[in-house]
């Protein structure tokens, strides 16, 4: 991905703590999706015995989700970080 422009759309916890360097950030939304706390996780919230809920997007013809779009400063570092979180 070297020399490409990569944006990451944040609709959950990345809004408050992206965890990677970025060159620019803008407020925006995507249409056709709604944010839901459907996904269970023992990594980000909760425990193996009691999964915590984390935000996920579900298709919704009438939906739209507000968030932040980050222009990534270093795509390799940022994408590696996102794979591990």
PDB file of N, CA and C in Angstrom:
ATOM      1  N   UNK A   1       0.798  -1.201   0.000  1.00  0.00           N
ATOM      2  CA  UNK A   1       0.000   0.000   0.000  1.00  0.00           C
ATOM      3  C   UNK A   1       0.840   1.264   0.000  1.00  0.00           C
ATOM      4  N   UNK A   2       2.102   1.122  -0.149  1.00  0.00           N
ATOM      5  CA  UNK A   2       2.967   2.300  -0.101  1.00  0.00           C
ATOM      6  C   UNK A   2       2.514   3.341  -1.113  1.00  0.00           C
ATOM      7  N   UNK A   3       2.590   4.600  -0.700  1.00  0.00           N
ATOM      8  CA  UNK A   3       2.230   5.746  -1.529  1.00  0.00           C
ATOM      9  C   UNK A   3       0.750   5.822  -1.889  1.00  0.00           C
ATOM     10  N   UNK A   4      -0.096   5.085  -1.199  1.00  0.00           N
ATOM     11  CA  UNK A   4      -1.532   5.184  -1.399  1.00  0.00           C
ATOM     12  C   UNK A   4      -2.147   5.999  -0.273  1.00  0.00           C
ATOM     13  N   UNK A   5      -3.278   6.613  -0.562  1.00  0.00           N
ATOM     14  CA  UNK A   5      -4.013   7.331   0.460  1.00  0.00           C
ATOM     15  C   UNK A   5      -4.959   6.341   1.137  1.00  0.00           C
ATOM     16  N   UNK A   6      -4.807   6.183   2.442  1.00  0.00           N
ATOM     17  CA  UNK A   6      -5.643   5.239   3.185  1.00  0.00           C
ATOM     18  C   UNK A   6      -6.389   5.993   4.280  1.00  0.00           C
ATOM     19  N   UNK A   7      -7.711   5.847   4.259  1.00  0.00           N
ATOM     20  CA  UNK A   7      -8.567   6.423   5.288  1.00  0.00           C
ATOM     21  C   UNK A   7      -9.163   5.293   6.112  1.00  0.00           C
ATOM     22  N   UNK A   8      -9.322   5.520   7.398  1.00  0.00           N
ATOM     23  CA  UNK A   8      -9.997   4.579   8.293  1.00  0.00           C
ATOM     24  C   UNK A   8     -11.218   5.281   8.858  1.00  0.00           C
ATOM     25  N   UNK A   9     -12.372   4.631   8.739  1.00  0.00           N
ATOM     26  CA  UNK A   9     -13.610   5.182   9.291  1.00  0.00           C
ATOM     27  C   UNK A   9     -13.812   4.616  10.694  1.00  0.00           C
ATOM     28  N   UNK A  10     -13.881   5.497  11.673  1.00  0.00           N
ATOM     29  CA  UNK A  10     -14.053   5.102  13.076  1.00  0.00           C
ATOM     30  C   UNK A  10     -15.492   5.373  13.498  1.00  0.00           C
ATOM     31  N   UNK A  11     -16.141   4.345  14.030  1.00  0.00           N
ATOM     32  CA  UNK A  11     -17.536   4.476  14.455  1.00  0.00           C
ATOM     33  C   UNK A  11     -17.740   4.009  15.889  1.00  0.00           C
ATOM     34  N   UNK A  12     -16.661   3.596  16.533  1.00  0.00           N
ATOM     35  CA  UNK A  12     -16.724   3.097  17.917  1.00  0.00           C
ATOM     36  C   UNK A  12     -15.574   3.669  18.720  1.00  0.00           C
ATOM     37  N   UNK A  13     -14.866   2.797  19.407  1.00  0.00           N
ATOM     38  CA  UNK A  13     -13.812   3.246  20.323  1.00  0.00           C
ATOM     39  C   UNK A  13     -12.656   3.958  19.617  1.00  0.00           C
ATOM     40  N   UNK A  14     -12.447   3.704  18.333  1.00  0.00           N
ATOM     41  CA  UNK A  14     -11.375   4.414  17.620  1.00  0.00           C
ATOM     42  C   UNK A  14     -11.629   5.913  17.545  1.00  0.00           C
ATOM     43  N   UNK A  15     -12.889   6.311  17.716  1.00  0.00           N
ATOM     44  CA  UNK A  15     -13.187   7.753  17.744  1.00  0.00           C
ATOM     45  C   UNK A  15     -12.433   8.404  18.896  1.00  0.00           C
ATOM     46  N   UNK A  16     -12.423   7.756  20.043  1.00  0.00           N
ATOM     47  CA  UNK A  16     -11.843   8.342  21.253  1.00  0.00           C
ATOM     48  C   UNK A  16     -10.352   8.080  21.365  1.00  0.00           C
ATOM     49  N   UNK A  17      -9.889   6.973  20.782  1.00  0.00           N
ATOM     50  CA  UNK A  17      -8.479   6.610  20.887  1.00  0.00           C
ATOM     51  C   UNK A  17      -8.078   5.820  19.649  1.00  0.00           C
ATOM     52  N   UNK A  18      -7.688   6.507  18.566  1.00  0.00           N
ATOM     53  CA  UNK A  18      -7.395   5.775  17.339  1.00  0.00           C
ATOM     54  C   UNK A  18      -6.208   4.816  17.465  1.00  0.00           C
ATOM     55  N   UNK A  19      -5.214   5.150  18.256  1.00  0.00           N
ATOM     56  CA  UNK A  19      -4.088   4.239  18.454  1.00  0.00           C
ATOM     57  C   UNK A  19      -3.061   4.243  17.334  1.00  0.00           C
ATOM     58  N   UNK A  20      -3.188   5.141  16.393  1.00  0.00           N
ATOM     59  CA  UNK A  20      -2.218   5.255  15.310  1.00  0.00           C
ATOM     60  C   UNK A  20      -2.105   6.729  14.931  1.00  0.00           C
ATOM     61  N   UNK A  21      -1.001   7.058  14.255  1.00  0.00           N
ATOM     62  CA  UNK A  21      -0.795   8.438  13.821  1.00  0.00           C
ATOM     63  C   UNK A  21      -1.624   8.703  12.571  1.00  0.00           C
ATOM     64  N   UNK A  22      -2.124   9.918  12.483  1.00  0.00           N
ATOM     65  CA  UNK A  22      -2.904  10.288  11.309  1.00  0.00           C
ATOM     66  C   UNK A  22      -2.556  11.713  10.881  1.00  0.00           C
ATOM     67  N   UNK A  23      -2.771  11.975   9.599  1.00  0.00           N
ATOM     68  CA  UNK A  23      -2.446  13.286   9.023  1.00  0.00           C
ATOM     69  C   UNK A  23      -3.617  14.248   9.101  1.00  0.00           C
ATOM     70  N   UNK A  24      -4.837  13.704   9.045  1.00  0.00           N
ATOM     71  CA  UNK A  24      -6.024  14.535   9.028  1.00  0.00           C
ATOM     72  C   UNK A  24      -7.188  13.716   9.582  1.00  0.00           C
ATOM     73  N   UNK A  25      -8.189  14.421  10.081  1.00  0.00           N
ATOM     74  CA  UNK A  25      -9.405  13.755  10.552  1.00  0.00           C
ATOM     75  C   UNK A  25     -10.597  14.631  10.168  1.00  0.00           C
ATOM     76  N   UNK A  26     -11.659  13.984   9.691  1.00  0.00           N
ATOM     77  CA  UNK A  26     -12.872  14.711   9.343  1.00  0.00           C
ATOM     78  C   UNK A  26     -14.086  13.969   9.906  1.00  0.00           C
ATOM     79  N   UNK A  27     -15.120  14.718  10.215  1.00  0.00           N
ATOM     80  CA  UNK A  27     -16.382  14.152  10.668  1.00  0.00           C
ATOM     81  C   UNK A  27     -17.187  13.762   9.443  1.00  0.00           C
ATOM     82  N   UNK A  28     -17.841  12.608   9.511  1.00  0.00           N
ATOM     83  CA  UNK A  28     -18.660  12.184   8.387  1.00  0.00           C
ATOM     84  C   UNK A  28     -19.554  11.026   8.769  1.00  0.00           C
ATOM     85  N   UNK A  29     -20.256  10.506   7.800  1.00  0.00           N
ATOM     86  CA  UNK A  29     -21.121   9.362   8.044  1.00  0.00           C
ATOM     87  C   UNK A  29     -21.134   8.451   6.825  1.00  0.00           C
ATOM     88  N   UNK A  30     -21.559   7.222   7.056  1.00  0.00           N
ATOM     89  CA  UNK A  30     -21.779   6.278   5.969  1.00  0.00           C
ATOM     90  C   UNK A  30     -23.254   5.922   5.976  1.00  0.00           C
ATOM     91  N   UNK A  31     -23.809   5.762   4.813  1.00  0.00           N
ATOM     92  CA  UNK A  31     -25.212   5.387   4.724  1.00  0.00           C
ATOM     93  C   UNK A  31     -25.316   3.906   4.389  1.00  0.00           C
ATOM     94  N   UNK A  32     -26.460   3.329   4.762  1.00  0.00           N
ATOM     95  CA  UNK A  32     -26.685   1.909   4.504  1.00  0.00           C
ATOM     96  C   UNK A  32     -26.248   0.999   5.634  1.00  0.00           C
ATOM     97  N   UNK A  33     -25.785   1.574   6.741  1.00  0.00           N
ATOM     98  CA  UNK A  33     -25.329   0.800   7.904  1.00  0.00           C
ATOM     99  C   UNK A  33     -25.765   1.492   9.188  1.00  0.00           C
ATOM    100  N   UNK A  34     -26.048   0.694  10.202  1.00  0.00           N
ATOM    101  CA  UNK A  34     -26.349   1.207  11.540  1.00  0.00           C
ATOM    102  C   UNK A  34     -25.386   0.580  12.538  1.00  0.00           C
ATOM    103  N   UNK A  35     -25.048   1.338  13.564  1.00  0.00           N
ATOM    104  CA  UNK A  35     -24.160   0.866  14.631  1.00  0.00           C
ATOM    105  C   UNK A  35     -24.999   0.080  15.644  1.00  0.00           C
ATOM    106  N   UNK A  36     -24.501  -1.100  16.020  1.00  0.00           N
ATOM    107  CA  UNK A  36     -25.169  -1.927  17.017  1.00  0.00           C
ATOM    108  C   UNK A  36     -24.116  -2.517  17.950  1.00  0.00           C
ATOM    109  N   UNK A  37     -24.533  -2.822  19.133  1.00  0.00           N
ATOM    110  CA  UNK A  37     -23.652  -3.487  20.095  1.00  0.00           C
ATOM    111  C   UNK A  37     -23.993  -4.975  20.116  1.00  0.00           C
ATOM    112  N   UNK A  38     -23.871  -5.620  18.958  1.00  0.00           N
ATOM    113  CA  UNK A  38     -24.201  -7.033  18.791  1.00  0.00           C
ATOM    114  C   UNK A  38     -23.022  -7.957  19.057  1.00  0.00           C
ATOM    115  N   UNK A  39     -21.834  -7.504  18.748  1.00  0.00           N
ATOM    116  CA  UNK A  39     -20.661  -8.374  18.791  1.00  0.00           C
ATOM    117  C   UNK A  39     -20.189  -8.573  20.223  1.00  0.00           C
ATOM    118  N   UNK A  40     -20.017  -9.830  20.635  1.00  0.00           N
ATOM    119  CA  UNK A  40     -19.482 -10.147  21.953  1.00  0.00           C
ATOM    120  C   UNK A  40     -17.975 -10.316  21.879  1.00  0.00           C
ATOM    121  N   UNK A  41     -17.261  -9.825  22.884  1.00  0.00           N
ATOM    122  CA  UNK A  41     -15.800  -9.902  22.872  1.00  0.00           C
ATOM    123  C   UNK A  41     -15.258 -10.087  24.281  1.00  0.00           C
ATOM    124  N   UNK A  42     -14.252 -10.945  24.395  1.00  0.00           N
ATOM    125  CA  UNK A  42     -13.543 -11.056  25.671  1.00  0.00           C
ATOM    126  C   UNK A  42     -12.185 -10.359  25.589  1.00  0.00           C
ATOM    127  N   UNK A  43     -11.847  -9.796  24.424  1.00  0.00           N
ATOM    128  CA  UNK A  43     -10.581  -9.073  24.262  1.00  0.00           C
ATOM    129  C   UNK A  43     -10.726  -7.610  24.638  1.00  0.00           C
ATOM    130  N   UNK A  44     -11.768  -6.974  24.153  1.00  0.00           N
ATOM    131  CA  UNK A  44     -11.929  -5.535  24.341  1.00  0.00           C
ATOM    132  C   UNK A  44     -12.790  -5.202  25.552  1.00  0.00           C
ATOM    133  N   UNK A  45     -13.730  -6.045  25.841  1.00  0.00           N
ATOM    134  CA  UNK A  45     -14.632  -5.859  26.977  1.00  0.00           C
ATOM    135  C   UNK A  45     -14.968  -7.242  27.520  1.00  0.00           C
ATOM    136  N   UNK A  46     -15.317  -7.324  28.766  1.00  0.00           N
ATOM    137  CA  UNK A  46     -15.798  -8.577  29.326  1.00  0.00           C
ATOM    138  C   UNK A  46     -14.713  -9.609  29.564  1.00  0.00           C
ATOM    139  N   UNK A  47     -15.158 -10.868  29.684  1.00  0.00           N
ATOM    140  CA  UNK A  47     -14.283 -12.006  29.951  1.00  0.00           C
ATOM    141  C   UNK A  47     -14.814 -13.203  29.176  1.00  0.00           C
ATOM    142  N   UNK A  48     -14.054 -14.321  29.127  1.00  0.00           N
ATOM    143  CA  UNK A  48     -14.564 -15.503  28.411  1.00  0.00           C
ATOM    144  C   UNK A  48     -15.909 -16.001  28.964  1.00  0.00           C
ATOM    145  N   UNK A  49     -16.128 -15.810  30.256  1.00  0.00           N
ATOM    146  CA  UNK A  49     -17.379 -16.259  30.873  1.00  0.00           C
ATOM    147  C   UNK A  49     -18.533 -15.293  30.640  1.00  0.00           C
ATOM    148  N   UNK A  50     -18.207 -14.026  30.432  1.00  0.00           N
ATOM    149  CA  UNK A  50     -19.232 -12.994  30.268  1.00  0.00           C
ATOM    150  C   UNK A  50     -18.748 -11.980  29.228  1.00  0.00           C
ATOM    151  N   UNK A  51     -19.095 -12.260  27.978  1.00  0.00           N
ATOM    152  CA  UNK A  51     -18.607 -11.419  26.887  1.00  0.00           C
ATOM    153  C   UNK A  51     -19.163 -10.003  26.990  1.00  0.00           C
ATOM    154  N   UNK A  52     -18.313  -9.041  26.711  1.00  0.00           N
ATOM    155  CA  UNK A  52     -18.744  -7.649  26.649  1.00  0.00           C
ATOM    156  C   UNK A  52     -19.195  -7.308  25.243  1.00  0.00           C
ATOM    157  N   UNK A  53     -19.991  -6.306  25.117  1.00  0.00           N
ATOM    158  CA  UNK A  53     -20.497  -5.890  23.811  1.00  0.00           C
ATOM    159  C   UNK A  53     -19.629  -4.781  23.240  1.00  0.00           C
ATOM    160  N   UNK A  54     -19.307  -4.923  21.965  1.00  0.00           N
ATOM    161  CA  UNK A  54     -18.548  -3.901  21.247  1.00  0.00           C
ATOM    162  C   UNK A  54     -19.333  -3.490  20.009  1.00  0.00           C
ATOM    163  N   UNK A  55     -19.077  -2.288  19.549  1.00  0.00           N
ATOM    164  CA  UNK A  55     -19.812  -1.756  18.400  1.00  0.00           C
ATOM    165  C   UNK A  55     -19.456  -2.515  17.132  1.00  0.00           C
ATOM    166  N   UNK A  56     -20.450  -2.748  16.328  1.00  0.00           N
ATOM    167  CA  UNK A  56     -20.281  -3.332  15.007  1.00  0.00           C
ATOM    168  C   UNK A  56     -21.277  -2.662  14.067  1.00  0.00           C
ATOM    169  N   UNK A  57     -21.059  -2.808  12.785  1.00  0.00           N
ATOM    170  CA  UNK A  57     -21.989  -2.237  11.819  1.00  0.00           C
ATOM    171  C   UNK A  57     -22.826  -3.345  11.201  1.00  0.00           C
ATOM    172  N   UNK A  58     -24.103  -3.078  11.036  1.00  0.00           N
ATOM    173  CA  UNK A  58     -25.000  -4.013  10.364  1.00  0.00           C
ATOM    174  C   UNK A  58     -25.648  -3.282   9.196  1.00  0.00           C
ATOM    175  N   UNK A  59     -25.869  -4.028   8.122  1.00  0.00           N
ATOM    176  CA  UNK A  59     -26.529  -3.423   6.967  1.00  0.00           C
ATOM    177  C   UNK A  59     -27.935  -2.994   7.346  1.00  0.00           C
ATOM    178  N   UNK A  60     -28.283  -1.805   6.922  1.00  0.00           N
ATOM    179  CA  UNK A  60     -29.585  -1.230   7.230  1.00  0.00           C
ATOM    180  C   UNK A  60     -29.889  -0.230   6.119  1.00  0.00           C
ATOM    181  N   UNK A  61     -30.791  -0.600   5.248  1.00  0.00           N
ATOM    182  CA  UNK A  61     -31.083   0.227   4.083  1.00  0.00           C
ATOM    183  C   UNK A  61     -31.403   1.675   4.446  1.00  0.00           C
ATOM    184  N   UNK A  62     -32.062   1.880   5.570  1.00  0.00           N
ATOM    185  CA  UNK A  62     -32.454   3.221   6.008  1.00  0.00           C
ATOM    186  C   UNK A  62     -31.435   3.854   6.959  1.00  0.00           C
ATOM    187  N   UNK A  63     -30.402   3.112   7.322  1.00  0.00           N
ATOM    188  CA  UNK A  63     -29.484   3.577   8.355  1.00  0.00           C
ATOM    189  C   UNK A  63     -28.374   4.468   7.861  1.00  0.00           C
ATOM    190  N   UNK A  64     -27.785   5.150   8.823  1.00  0.00           N
ATOM    191  CA  UNK A  64     -26.544   5.881   8.593  1.00  0.00           C
ATOM    192  C   UNK A  64     -25.824   5.958   9.924  1.00  0.00           C
ATOM    193  N   UNK A  65     -24.512   5.992   9.868  1.00  0.00           N
ATOM    194  CA  UNK A  65     -23.683   5.985  11.067  1.00  0.00           C
ATOM    195  C   UNK A  65     -22.677   7.120  11.003  1.00  0.00           C
ATOM    196  N   UNK A  66     -22.708   7.975  12.009  1.00  0.00           N
ATOM    197  CA  UNK A  66     -21.744   9.067  12.124  1.00  0.00           C
ATOM    198  C   UNK A  66     -20.447   8.547  12.715  1.00  0.00           C
ATOM    199  N   UNK A  67     -19.359   9.170  12.332  1.00  0.00           N
ATOM    200  CA  UNK A  67     -18.061   8.803  12.878  1.00  0.00           C
ATOM    201  C   UNK A  67     -16.994   9.788  12.428  1.00  0.00           C
ATOM    202  N   UNK A  68     -15.757   9.340  12.537  1.00  0.00           N
ATOM    203  CA  UNK A  68     -14.606  10.132  12.097  1.00  0.00           C
ATOM    204  C   UNK A  68     -13.837   9.343  11.048  1.00  0.00           C
ATOM    205  N   UNK A  69     -13.339  10.041  10.048  1.00  0.00           N
ATOM    206  CA  UNK A  69     -12.468   9.420   9.051  1.00  0.00           C
ATOM    207  C   UNK A  69     -11.061   9.954   9.264  1.00  0.00           C
ATOM    208  N   UNK A  70     -10.132   9.032   9.459  1.00  0.00           N
ATOM    209  CA  UNK A  70      -8.736   9.391   9.695  1.00  0.00           C
ATOM    210  C   UNK A  70      -7.916   9.115   8.441  1.00  0.00           C
ATOM    211  N   UNK A  71      -7.147  10.102   8.002  1.00  0.00           N
ATOM    212  CA  UNK A  71      -6.171   9.898   6.941  1.00  0.00           C
ATOM    213  C   UNK A  71      -4.906   9.380   7.624  1.00  0.00           C
ATOM    214  N   UNK A  72      -4.569   8.153   7.360  1.00  0.00           N
ATOM    215  CA  UNK A  72      -3.471   7.487   8.056  1.00  0.00           C
ATOM    216  C   UNK A  72      -2.121   8.066   7.635  1.00  0.00           C
ATOM    217  N   UNK A  73      -1.253   8.266   8.625  1.00  0.00           N
ATOM    218  CA  UNK A  73       0.098   8.786   8.362  1.00  0.00           C
ATOM    219  C   UNK A  73       1.022   7.684   7.845  1.00  0.00           C
ATOM    220  N   UNK A  74       0.954   6.497   8.426  1.00  0.00           N
ATOM    221  CA  UNK A  74       1.805   5.367   8.034  1.00  0.00           C
ATOM    222  C   UNK A  74       0.901   4.148   7.899  1.00  0.00           C
ATOM    223  N   UNK A  75       0.539   3.801   6.665  1.00  0.00           N
ATOM    224  CA  UNK A  75      -0.448   2.751   6.468  1.00  0.00           C
ATOM    225  C   UNK A  75      -0.015   1.401   7.031  1.00  0.00           C
ATOM    226  N   UNK A  76       1.255   1.051   6.906  1.00  0.00           N
ATOM    227  CA  UNK A  76       1.705  -0.252   7.400  1.00  0.00           C
ATOM    228  C   UNK A  76       1.565  -0.359   8.916  1.00  0.00           C
ATOM    229  N   UNK A  77       2.030   0.665   9.640  1.00  0.00           N
ATOM    230  CA  UNK A  77       1.931   0.640  11.102  1.00  0.00           C
ATOM    231  C   UNK A  77       0.488   0.653  11.559  1.00  0.00           C
ATOM    232  N   UNK A  78      -0.324   1.519  10.952  1.00  0.00           N
ATOM    233  CA  UNK A  78      -1.719   1.641  11.357  1.00  0.00           C
ATOM    234  C   UNK A  78      -2.491   0.364  11.093  1.00  0.00           C
ATOM    235  N   UNK A  79      -2.331  -0.216   9.931  1.00  0.00           N
ATOM    236  CA  UNK A  79      -3.075  -1.431   9.601  1.00  0.00           C
ATOM    237  C   UNK A  79      -2.621  -2.616  10.455  1.00  0.00           C
ATOM    238  N   UNK A  80      -1.338  -2.669  10.766  1.00  0.00           N
ATOM    239  CA  UNK A  80      -0.852  -3.724  11.674  1.00  0.00           C
ATOM    240  C   UNK A  80      -1.472  -3.549  13.059  1.00  0.00           C
ATOM    241  N   UNK A  81      -1.525  -2.306  13.534  1.00  0.00           N
ATOM    242  CA  UNK A  81      -2.158  -2.023  14.826  1.00  0.00           C
ATOM    243  C   UNK A  81      -3.630  -2.454  14.806  1.00  0.00           C
ATOM    244  N   UNK A  82      -4.339  -2.118  13.747  1.00  0.00           N
ATOM    245  CA  UNK A  82      -5.758  -2.454  13.670  1.00  0.00           C
ATOM    246  C   UNK A  82      -6.003  -3.961  13.602  1.00  0.00           C
ATOM    247  N   UNK A  83      -5.081  -4.712  13.029  1.00  0.00           N
ATOM    248  CA  UNK A  83      -5.205  -6.173  12.980  1.00  0.00           C
ATOM    249  C   UNK A  83      -5.102  -6.799  14.365  1.00  0.00           C
ATOM    250  N   UNK A  84      -4.344  -6.165  15.246  1.00  0.00           N
ATOM    251  CA  UNK A  84      -4.075  -6.757  16.560  1.00  0.00           C
ATOM    252  C   UNK A  84      -4.998  -6.244  17.661  1.00  0.00           C
ATOM    253  N   UNK A  85      -5.861  -5.280  17.351  1.00  0.00           N
ATOM    254  CA  UNK A  85      -6.744  -4.765  18.398  1.00  0.00           C
ATOM    255  C   UNK A  85      -8.135  -5.313  18.276  1.00  0.00           C
TER     256      UNK A  85
END
